[in-house]
């Protein structure tokens, strides 16, 4: 089964009703034809292309809701049947808080659908895995304490800059609020995160599916009543 076929096949099993996709850009999830979906991103499509020149050659979906995808401040509690967040959570500065907010806007029995890159098969391959302890500290203290180290790690291990250029590049990325992969996982560590949220933080979730899909893994959660 191909990369996109696996995504859409899983979507057909779980996605129905009315919902949103966060950060779809040029690769929106193929969903059933009777689904009502709106696209949410941090800025309109034309501004996204200006901010991220690497997107200029792609046709982006039109953004229906301009909002912070980590907080969903403009989305009402318990209002959606599904939230789709593909290749989104690695961009979140505070992943546990993001999960909490995505669950907040779902109705009981609503679906959270995520595709998460497996760091072993992406440009993140040289980066250390994000520990659960790090994510817990981000959740309890906020993410400012770790922000600069993320940008420096990106400059060093993704941009592959020499050490004398790392600090300057990190400072520039922080100043423009560039959306890097702040955190990286494999399936094992991500499952550890979900189980912590479920068992230690009492997040109302059931893990319906956790499936490898080429260079990513797909996660489907149900919000319990």
Protein backbone atom coordinates (compact mmCIF):
# COMPACT_ATOMS: atom_id res chain seq x y z
CA UNK A 1 0.00 0.00 0.00
CA UNK A 2 1.41 3.40 -0.99
CA UNK A 3 2.18 6.23 1.43
CA UNK A 4 -0.91 8.33 0.65
CA UNK A 5 -3.17 5.32 0.10
CA UNK A 6 -2.48 4.13 3.63
CA UNK A 7 -3.33 7.57 5.00
CA UNK A 8 -6.60 7.85 3.08
CA UNK A 9 -7.61 4.26 3.81
CA UNK A 10 -7.27 4.89 7.54
CA UNK A 11 -9.11 8.20 7.18
CA UNK A 12 -12.04 6.40 5.53
CA UNK A 13 -12.31 4.13 8.58
CA UNK A 14 -12.24 6.86 11.21
CA UNK A 15 -13.05 10.32 9.80
CA UNK A 16 -16.67 11.49 9.56
CA UNK A 17 -18.78 14.53 10.31
CA UNK A 18 -17.35 18.03 10.75
CA UNK A 19 -13.77 18.90 11.62
CA UNK A 20 -10.51 20.66 10.87
CA UNK A 21 -7.07 19.89 9.52
CA UNK A 22 -4.18 21.83 11.05
CA UNK A 23 -1.24 22.81 8.85
CA UNK A 24 -2.33 20.94 5.72
CA UNK A 25 -0.24 23.14 3.39
CA UNK A 26 0.16 21.32 0.03
CA UNK A 27 -0.69 17.85 1.34
CA UNK A 28 -4.22 17.80 2.77
CA UNK A 29 -5.46 14.42 3.90
CA UNK A 30 -7.84 12.75 1.46
CA UNK A 31 -11.06 12.34 3.46
CA UNK A 32 -14.48 10.85 2.58
CA UNK A 33 -16.54 13.02 0.22
CA UNK A 34 -19.36 13.55 2.72
CA UNK A 35 -17.04 15.06 5.34
CA UNK A 36 -17.09 18.80 6.12
CA UNK A 37 -13.53 20.01 6.66
CA UNK A 38 -11.96 23.41 7.27
CA UNK A 39 -8.26 24.18 7.11
CA UNK A 40 -6.49 25.96 9.95
CA UNK A 41 -3.02 27.47 9.84
CA UNK A 42 -0.98 30.18 11.55
CA UNK A 43 -1.26 32.55 8.55
CA UNK A 44 -3.02 32.77 5.16
CA UNK A 45 -1.65 30.70 2.26
CA UNK A 46 0.04 33.62 0.48
CA UNK A 47 1.83 34.65 3.67
CA UNK A 48 2.93 31.08 4.31
CA UNK A 49 4.64 31.07 0.91
CA UNK A 50 6.39 34.34 1.72
CA UNK A 51 7.58 33.10 5.11
CA UNK A 52 8.62 29.66 3.88
CA UNK A 53 10.14 30.05 0.38
CA UNK A 54 10.49 26.27 0.10
CA UNK A 55 6.68 26.16 -0.31
CA UNK A 56 6.61 28.58 -3.24
CA UNK A 57 6.40 25.88 -5.91
CA UNK A 58 3.43 24.14 -4.28
CA UNK A 59 -0.29 24.85 -4.42
CA UNK A 60 -1.42 25.31 -0.83
CA UNK A 61 -4.93 24.77 0.47
CA UNK A 62 -6.84 27.95 1.23
CA UNK A 63 -6.77 28.62 4.95
CA UNK A 64 -10.28 28.91 6.43
CA UNK A 65 -9.22 29.64 10.00
CA UNK A 66 -6.12 31.67 10.90
CA UNK A 67 -5.12 30.60 14.38
CA UNK A 68 -2.30 29.08 16.39
CA UNK A 69 -2.51 25.35 15.70
CA UNK A 70 -1.12 24.56 19.13
CA UNK A 71 -3.79 26.44 21.10
CA UNK A 72 -6.85 26.56 18.77
CA UNK A 73 -8.00 29.61 20.74
CA UNK A 74 -10.76 30.44 18.25
CA UNK A 75 -12.24 26.93 18.23
CA UNK A 76 -15.02 26.12 20.68
CA UNK A 77 -14.74 23.30 23.19
CA UNK A 78 -16.47 20.01 22.29
CA UNK A 79 -17.40 21.31 18.84
CA UNK A 80 -15.70 19.00 16.32
CA UNK A 81 -16.03 15.39 15.21
CA UNK A 82 -12.38 15.19 14.19
CA UNK A 83 -9.05 17.01 14.24
CA UNK A 84 -6.36 16.09 11.71
CA UNK A 85 -2.77 17.09 12.50
CA UNK A 86 -0.36 15.50 10.03
CA UNK A 87 3.32 16.31 10.50
CA UNK A 88 2.24 18.93 13.00
CA UNK A 89 3.08 17.79 16.52
CA UNK A 90 6.84 17.80 15.88
CA UNK A 91 6.47 21.54 15.15
CA UNK A 92 4.75 22.14 18.50
CA UNK A 93 6.81 23.83 21.16
CA UNK A 94 4.73 22.20 23.91
CA UNK A 95 3.38 18.89 22.52
CA UNK A 96 1.47 17.79 25.61
CA UNK A 97 -0.35 21.12 25.77
CA UNK A 98 -1.12 20.84 22.05
CA UNK A 99 -2.61 17.38 22.56
CA UNK A 100 -4.69 18.76 25.41
CA UNK A 101 -6.04 21.55 23.21
CA UNK A 102 -6.76 19.26 20.27
CA UNK A 103 -8.74 17.01 22.59
CA UNK A 104 -10.50 20.02 24.12
CA UNK A 105 -12.21 20.94 20.83
CA UNK A 106 -13.36 17.39 20.09
CA UNK A 107 -16.78 16.08 20.98
CA UNK A 108 -17.00 12.89 23.02
CA UNK A 109 -16.00 9.98 20.74
CA UNK A 110 -14.33 12.48 18.38
CA UNK A 111 -11.22 11.43 16.47
CA UNK A 112 -7.71 12.86 16.60
CA UNK A 113 -5.79 11.72 13.51
CA UNK A 114 -2.04 12.33 13.42
CA UNK A 115 0.77 11.34 11.08
CA UNK A 116 4.11 11.79 12.83
CA UNK A 117 7.49 11.55 11.08
CA UNK A 118 9.79 8.82 12.37
CA UNK A 119 13.01 10.71 12.95
CA UNK A 120 15.11 7.77 11.72
CA UNK A 121 13.90 8.26 8.15
CA UNK A 122 13.95 12.07 7.84
CA UNK A 123 16.44 14.93 8.01
CA UNK A 124 16.12 14.57 11.81
CA UNK A 125 18.04 11.28 11.71
CA UNK A 126 21.13 12.66 13.48
CA UNK A 127 19.19 14.35 16.27
CA UNK A 128 18.73 12.77 19.71
CA UNK A 129 15.26 11.51 20.56
CA UNK A 130 13.15 13.86 22.66
CA UNK A 131 12.83 12.39 26.13
CA UNK A 132 9.55 12.14 27.99
CA UNK A 133 11.13 14.12 30.83
CA UNK A 134 11.79 17.01 28.43
CA UNK A 135 8.17 17.04 27.26
CA UNK A 136 6.88 16.94 30.83
CA UNK A 137 9.04 19.92 31.72
CA UNK A 138 7.76 21.83 28.65
CA UNK A 139 4.22 21.13 29.85
CA UNK A 140 4.80 22.10 33.47
CA UNK A 141 7.10 25.12 32.96
CA UNK A 142 6.35 26.26 29.41
CA UNK A 143 8.71 25.85 26.46
CA UNK A 144 10.88 28.95 26.78
CA UNK A 145 13.52 27.12 28.83
CA UNK A 146 14.36 24.81 25.89
CA UNK A 147 13.69 27.05 22.89
CA UNK A 148 17.24 28.19 22.15
CA UNK A 149 18.64 24.68 22.49
CA UNK A 150 16.16 23.43 19.88
CA UNK A 151 17.20 26.07 17.36
CA UNK A 152 20.88 25.37 18.03
CA UNK A 153 20.35 21.64 17.60
CA UNK A 154 18.54 22.30 14.31
CA UNK A 155 21.35 24.52 13.04
CA UNK A 156 23.96 21.98 14.07
CA UNK A 157 22.38 18.66 13.09
CA UNK A 158 19.89 19.54 10.32
CA UNK A 159 21.40 22.60 8.65
CA UNK A 160 24.84 21.02 9.30
CA UNK A 161 26.47 24.36 9.98
CA UNK A 162 29.99 24.65 11.43
CA UNK A 163 29.98 25.30 15.14
CA UNK A 164 31.00 28.96 14.81
CA UNK A 165 27.83 29.65 12.79
CA UNK A 166 25.37 27.78 15.02
CA UNK A 167 24.57 30.54 17.52
CA UNK A 168 23.92 33.13 14.83
CA UNK A 169 21.66 30.82 12.84
CA UNK A 170 19.73 29.83 15.96
CA UNK A 171 19.23 33.50 16.86
CA UNK A 172 17.91 34.26 13.36
CA UNK A 173 15.46 31.32 13.40
CA UNK A 174 14.17 32.39 16.81
CA UNK A 175 13.72 36.01 15.69
CA UNK A 176 11.53 35.06 12.72
CA UNK A 177 9.72 32.36 14.76
CA UNK A 178 10.64 29.76 12.16
CA UNK A 179 8.68 26.54 12.52
CA UNK A 180 11.32 23.82 12.90
CA UNK A 181 10.86 20.29 14.19
CA UNK A 182 11.22 21.09 17.87
CA UNK A 183 10.82 17.47 19.00
CA UNK A 184 11.52 14.09 17.38
CA UNK A 185 10.32 10.56 18.01
CA UNK A 186 10.08 7.00 16.83
CA UNK A 187 6.90 4.98 17.41
CA UNK A 188 8.21 3.67 20.73
CA UNK A 189 8.83 7.06 22.33
CA UNK A 190 5.62 8.51 20.96
CA UNK A 191 3.61 5.65 22.45
CA UNK A 192 5.35 6.36 25.76
CA UNK A 193 4.14 9.96 25.51
CA UNK A 194 0.56 8.90 24.79
CA UNK A 195 0.50 6.44 27.67
CA UNK A 196 1.84 9.11 30.02
CA UNK A 197 -0.92 11.49 28.93
CA UNK A 198 -3.52 8.77 29.37
CA UNK A 199 -2.35 7.27 32.65
CA UNK A 200 -0.61 10.14 34.48
CA UNK A 201 -2.48 13.19 33.21
CA UNK A 202 -5.86 11.45 32.76
CA UNK A 203 -6.25 12.70 29.19
CA UNK A 204 -9.53 11.25 27.89
CA UNK A 205 -8.12 9.09 25.10
CA UNK A 206 -8.29 5.60 23.69
CA UNK A 207 -5.49 4.59 21.33
CA UNK A 208 -7.30 3.15 18.33
CA UNK A 209 -4.34 2.75 15.99
CA UNK A 210 -0.57 3.23 15.83
CA UNK A 211 0.72 2.10 12.43
CA UNK A 212 4.00 2.50 10.57
CA UNK A 213 3.64 4.19 7.18
CA UNK A 214 6.95 4.39 5.27
CA UNK A 215 8.81 7.31 6.92
CA UNK A 216 6.08 8.15 9.41
CA UNK A 217 3.60 6.51 11.74
CA UNK A 218 -0.12 7.17 11.86
CA UNK A 219 -1.88 7.60 15.19
CA UNK A 220 -5.64 7.58 15.72
CA UNK A 221 -7.04 8.53 19.12
CA UNK A 222 -10.66 8.62 20.28
CA UNK A 223 -11.74 11.14 22.89
CA UNK A 224 -13.54 9.19 25.57
CA UNK A 225 -16.81 10.39 27.06
